[in-house]
Protein backbone atom coordinates (compact mmCIF):
# COMPACT_ATOMS: atom_id res chain seq x y z
CA UNK A 1 -2.18 10.56 8.59
CA UNK A 2 -1.39 12.21 5.76
CA UNK A 3 -0.80 10.74 2.13
CA UNK A 4 0.50 13.19 -0.72
CA UNK A 5 1.15 11.45 -4.19
CA UNK A 6 3.26 12.92 -6.96
CA UNK A 7 1.84 12.15 -10.00
CA UNK A 8 0.88 13.18 -13.55
CA UNK A 9 -2.84 11.93 -13.49
CA UNK A 10 -4.24 13.60 -9.85
CA UNK A 11 -7.42 12.16 -11.45
CA UNK A 12 -7.04 8.96 -10.85
CA UNK A 13 -6.06 9.34 -7.10
CA UNK A 14 -9.02 11.77 -6.80
CA UNK A 15 -11.44 9.11 -8.12
CA UNK A 16 -10.66 6.15 -6.24
CA UNK A 17 -10.32 7.80 -2.36
CA UNK A 18 -13.06 9.16 -2.28
CA UNK A 19 -15.36 5.84 -1.60
CA UNK A 20 -15.72 3.15 0.64
CA UNK A 21 -13.31 3.06 3.79
CA UNK A 22 -11.11 5.56 2.70
CA UNK A 23 -13.44 8.13 1.52
CA UNK A 24 -15.41 7.89 5.39
CA UNK A 25 -11.86 7.91 6.82
CA UNK A 26 -11.04 11.31 4.63
CA UNK A 27 -14.57 12.67 5.37
CA UNK A 28 -13.52 12.22 9.55
CA UNK A 29 -10.48 13.77 9.31
CA UNK A 30 -8.47 10.61 10.28
CA UNK A 31 -6.97 10.80 6.66
CA UNK A 32 -6.05 13.14 4.05
CA UNK A 33 -4.85 12.47 0.42
CA UNK A 34 -3.39 15.20 -1.62
CA UNK A 35 -3.20 14.43 -5.21
CA UNK A 36 -0.15 16.81 -6.82
CA UNK A 37 0.39 17.28 -10.45
CA UNK A 38 4.37 17.05 -11.32
CA UNK A 39 3.52 18.50 -15.09
CA UNK A 40 2.51 22.07 -12.86
CA UNK A 41 6.12 22.38 -11.87
CA UNK A 42 7.66 21.95 -15.43
CA UNK A 43 9.24 24.87 -16.83
CA UNK A 44 8.74 23.76 -20.52
CA UNK A 45 6.62 26.18 -22.56
CA UNK A 46 4.53 22.84 -23.87
CA UNK A 47 4.19 21.33 -20.55
CA UNK A 48 6.30 18.47 -21.42
CA UNK A 49 7.88 16.53 -18.49
CA UNK A 50 10.04 14.03 -20.10
CA UNK A 51 12.59 13.65 -22.69
CA UNK A 52 15.22 11.07 -24.58
CA UNK A 53 16.98 9.21 -22.56
CA UNK A 54 20.93 9.53 -23.02
CA UNK A 55 22.38 6.45 -24.13
CA UNK A 56 20.07 5.69 -26.40
CA UNK A 57 16.83 3.38 -25.83
CA UNK A 58 13.01 3.13 -26.52
CA UNK A 59 10.79 5.53 -24.77
CA UNK A 60 10.83 8.45 -22.80
CA UNK A 61 12.23 9.47 -19.25
CA UNK A 62 10.56 11.79 -16.64
CA UNK A 63 13.06 14.81 -15.99
CA UNK A 64 14.64 15.92 -12.39
CA UNK A 65 13.56 19.41 -12.25
CA UNK A 66 9.90 19.00 -12.12
CA UNK A 67 10.02 16.08 -9.79
CA UNK A 68 12.19 17.88 -7.40
CA UNK A 69 10.25 21.01 -7.62
CA UNK A 70 6.89 19.28 -6.68
CA UNK A 71 8.62 17.48 -3.98
CA UNK A 72 10.31 20.81 -2.38
CA UNK A 73 6.70 22.42 -2.71
CA UNK A 74 4.71 19.65 -0.80
CA UNK A 75 7.92 19.35 1.79
CA UNK A 76 7.96 23.52 2.86
CA UNK A 77 3.93 23.20 2.90
CA UNK A 78 4.61 19.89 5.70
CA UNK A 79 3.74 21.11 9.83
CA UNK A 80 6.91 19.23 10.73
CA UNK A 81 10.62 19.68 10.85
CA UNK A 82 10.92 15.83 9.76
CA UNK A 83 11.60 15.06 6.30
CA UNK A 84 9.13 12.77 5.24
CA UNK A 85 9.20 9.26 3.57
CA UNK A 86 8.96 9.10 -0.23
CA UNK A 87 8.10 6.40 -1.62
CA UNK A 88 8.96 5.56 -5.07
CA UNK A 89 6.87 2.74 -6.92
CA UNK A 90 8.98 0.70 -9.15
CA UNK A 91 9.24 -3.28 -9.84
CA UNK A 92 13.02 -2.50 -8.66
CA UNK A 93 11.79 -2.01 -5.18
CA UNK A 94 11.37 -4.37 -2.15
CA UNK A 95 7.71 -6.03 -2.49
CA UNK A 96 5.13 -4.72 -0.36
CA UNK A 97 3.88 -6.23 2.52
CA UNK A 98 1.68 -5.95 5.73
CA UNK A 99 4.81 -5.47 8.02
CA UNK A 100 5.65 -2.73 5.74
CA UNK A 101 1.94 -1.16 5.70
CA UNK A 102 2.26 -1.46 9.94
CA UNK A 103 5.80 0.33 9.57
CA UNK A 104 4.49 3.42 7.33
CA UNK A 105 1.09 3.55 9.15
CA UNK A 106 3.46 5.16 12.22
CA UNK A 107 4.29 8.04 9.52
CA UNK A 108 2.49 11.47 9.77
CA UNK A 109 3.06 12.15 6.20
CA UNK A 110 3.83 9.96 3.23
CA UNK A 111 4.73 11.09 -0.29
CA UNK A 112 4.21 8.59 -2.98
CA UNK A 113 6.07 9.42 -6.38
CA UNK A 114 4.20 7.85 -9.61
CA UNK A 115 6.48 7.30 -12.61
CA UNK A 116 5.43 6.56 -16.05
CA UNK A 117 7.29 6.45 -19.36
CA UNK A 118 10.63 4.51 -18.64
CA UNK A 119 10.75 5.96 -15.29
CA UNK A 120 12.51 9.03 -13.62
CA UNK A 121 15.81 10.61 -14.00
CA UNK A 122 18.13 8.76 -11.57
CA UNK A 123 19.27 11.70 -10.10
CA UNK A 124 16.57 13.23 -8.25
CA UNK A 125 15.59 9.49 -7.33
CA UNK A 126 18.78 9.73 -5.31
CA UNK A 127 17.98 13.18 -3.68
CA UNK A 128 14.50 12.56 -2.65
CA UNK A 129 13.59 8.82 -2.23
CA UNK A 130 13.62 6.79 0.76
CA UNK A 131 11.70 3.91 0.23
CA UNK A 132 11.59 1.92 -3.08
CA UNK A 133 8.88 -0.30 -3.09
CA UNK A 134 7.17 -2.80 -5.43
CA UNK A 135 3.56 -4.45 -5.77
CA UNK A 136 4.69 -7.42 -7.27
CA UNK A 137 7.05 -9.08 -10.22
CA UNK A 138 5.63 -7.06 -12.88
CA UNK A 139 4.88 -3.86 -14.97
CA UNK A 140 2.16 -1.46 -15.14
CA UNK A 141 2.10 1.46 -16.94
CA UNK A 142 2.43 4.17 -14.12
CA UNK A 143 2.97 4.18 -10.21
CA UNK A 144 -0.59 5.19 -9.38
CA UNK A 145 -2.25 1.84 -8.63
CA UNK A 146 0.30 0.80 -6.88
CA UNK A 147 0.14 4.09 -4.82
CA UNK A 148 -3.31 3.43 -4.20
CA UNK A 149 -2.67 -0.62 -3.24
CA UNK A 150 -0.08 0.74 -0.43
CA UNK A 151 -2.48 3.51 0.89
CA UNK A 152 -5.53 1.22 1.25
CA UNK A 153 -3.17 -1.25 2.90
CA UNK A 154 -1.35 1.48 5.36
CA UNK A 155 -5.00 3.28 6.14
CA UNK A 156 -6.09 -0.17 7.58
CA UNK A 157 -3.58 -0.08 10.25
CA UNK A 158 -4.17 3.51 11.01
CA UNK A 159 -6.24 3.92 14.29
CA UNK A 160 -9.58 5.06 13.87
CA UNK A 161 -10.32 3.88 10.08
CA UNK A 162 -12.14 0.91 10.62
CA UNK A 163 -14.90 0.40 12.69
CA UNK A 164 -13.86 -2.87 14.47
CA UNK A 165 -10.61 -2.02 16.15
CA UNK A 166 -9.89 -5.56 15.77
CA UNK A 167 -10.56 -6.05 11.87
CA UNK A 168 -6.90 -4.48 11.14
CA UNK A 169 -5.57 -7.31 13.31
CA UNK A 170 -6.96 -10.40 12.59
CA UNK A 171 -6.52 -10.73 8.85
CA UNK A 172 -4.44 -12.69 6.59
CA UNK A 173 -0.60 -12.29 7.00
CA UNK A 174 -1.13 -10.49 10.33
CA UNK A 175 0.91 -13.17 12.13
CA UNK A 176 2.48 -14.68 8.67
CA UNK A 177 -0.35 -16.97 7.80
CA UNK A 178 -3.47 -16.64 5.86
CA UNK A 179 -7.00 -16.04 7.21
CA UNK A 180 -8.86 -18.66 8.49
CA UNK A 181 -12.26 -19.68 6.56
CA UNK A 182 -15.23 -17.42 7.85
CA UNK A 183 -19.21 -18.08 7.67
CA UNK A 184 -22.00 -15.96 8.24
CA UNK A 185 -26.30 -16.28 8.31
CA UNK A 186 -27.73 -18.67 7.15
CA UNK A 187 -26.32 -21.70 8.99
CA UNK A 188 -27.08 -24.32 6.23
CA UNK A 189 -26.72 -22.96 2.81
CA UNK A 190 -26.77 -25.34 -0.05
CA UNK A 191 -26.88 -28.47 2.45
CA UNK A 192 -23.54 -27.24 3.43
CA UNK A 193 -23.31 -26.24 7.46
CA UNK A 194 -21.20 -23.49 9.44
CA UNK A 195 -18.85 -25.93 11.19
CA UNK A 196 -20.11 -26.82 14.71
CA UNK A 197 -17.26 -25.53 16.93
CA UNK A 198 -18.11 -21.95 15.59
CA UNK A 199 -21.63 -22.43 17.03
CA UNK A 200 -20.33 -24.22 20.27
CA UNK A 201 -19.48 -20.63 22.15
CA UNK A 202 -16.36 -21.70 23.52
CA UNK A 203 -14.00 -19.45 22.85
CA UNK A 204 -10.97 -21.60 23.54
CA UNK A 205 -11.88 -24.08 20.83
CA UNK A 206 -12.79 -21.43 18.63
CA UNK A 207 -9.51 -20.04 18.57
CA UNK A 208 -7.96 -23.31 18.53
CA UNK A 209 -9.70 -24.04 15.20
CA UNK A 210 -9.05 -20.96 13.41
CA UNK A 211 -5.69 -21.38 14.08
CA UNK A 212 -5.63 -24.79 12.78
CA UNK A 213 -7.42 -23.88 9.33
CA UNK A 214 -5.10 -21.01 9.04
CA UNK A 215 -2.18 -23.29 8.88
CA UNK A 216 -3.81 -25.63 6.85
CA UNK A 217 -4.84 -23.27 3.91
CA UNK A 218 -1.54 -21.77 4.27
CA UNK A 219 -0.05 -24.71 3.74
CA UNK A 220 -2.32 -25.41 0.61
CA UNK A 221 -2.29 -22.27 -0.96
CA UNK A 222 0.89 -20.11 0.09
CA UNK A 223 3.76 -23.06 0.76
CA UNK A 224 6.26 -20.32 0.65
CA UNK A 225 4.74 -18.21 3.73
CA UNK A 226 4.11 -21.80 5.43
CA UNK A 227 7.48 -22.66 5.57
CA UNK A 228 8.79 -19.28 6.78
CA UNK A 229 5.92 -19.75 9.41
CA UNK A 230 7.17 -22.93 10.42
CA UNK A 231 11.29 -22.04 10.56
CA UNK A 232 10.45 -18.87 12.33
CA UNK A 233 8.34 -20.94 15.32
CA UNK A 234 11.06 -23.62 15.20
CA UNK A 235 13.89 -20.99 16.55
CA UNK A 236 11.63 -20.20 19.41
């Protein structure tokens, strides 16, 4: 799995990906993350990549030329004839979820495009972007943090990244529900004991209890997800 990040701030990406699970996966060669500075592709003698918007309005807009040339340079170096998916991080995109993470994890290469200022010239977006993705209904100063969120979630779906192959398949949202409560040692802490069923060793009862708890927790904390889950299972 190869991530390529088109950004004005590559140091933000580099500082975040070399630690924890992502860092270990990169060391093992399971993942690679390449941050590419869009500013390196500007033709402006002052190294500018932005300009005023036609029609007026506040703020500056990232220009098409350096973004496009950056994309072309990344694309020509890929070891494939297949056009890469280009994910533009924008509040106007589809909201990122676990299903999307699994879909992206099947790709060999993904290019993330991180905007700044008032965004990016529409003409280059129409030429290169395949997926418009948002991490929520709010506005951030740039696309780097959303891209990192997506890379983290996608990486967990890539075989070999997680130590336990089950870990990525039994988490919140995998089946449309929030994850059940979990417990570790000691058996009793501050007069609160671990639920007896988890100590029973009865696998079928544990699975049933966990599912019931997932339903209960989802209904309490995310009624929107609960309603979707119930509706989808009523059709079966």
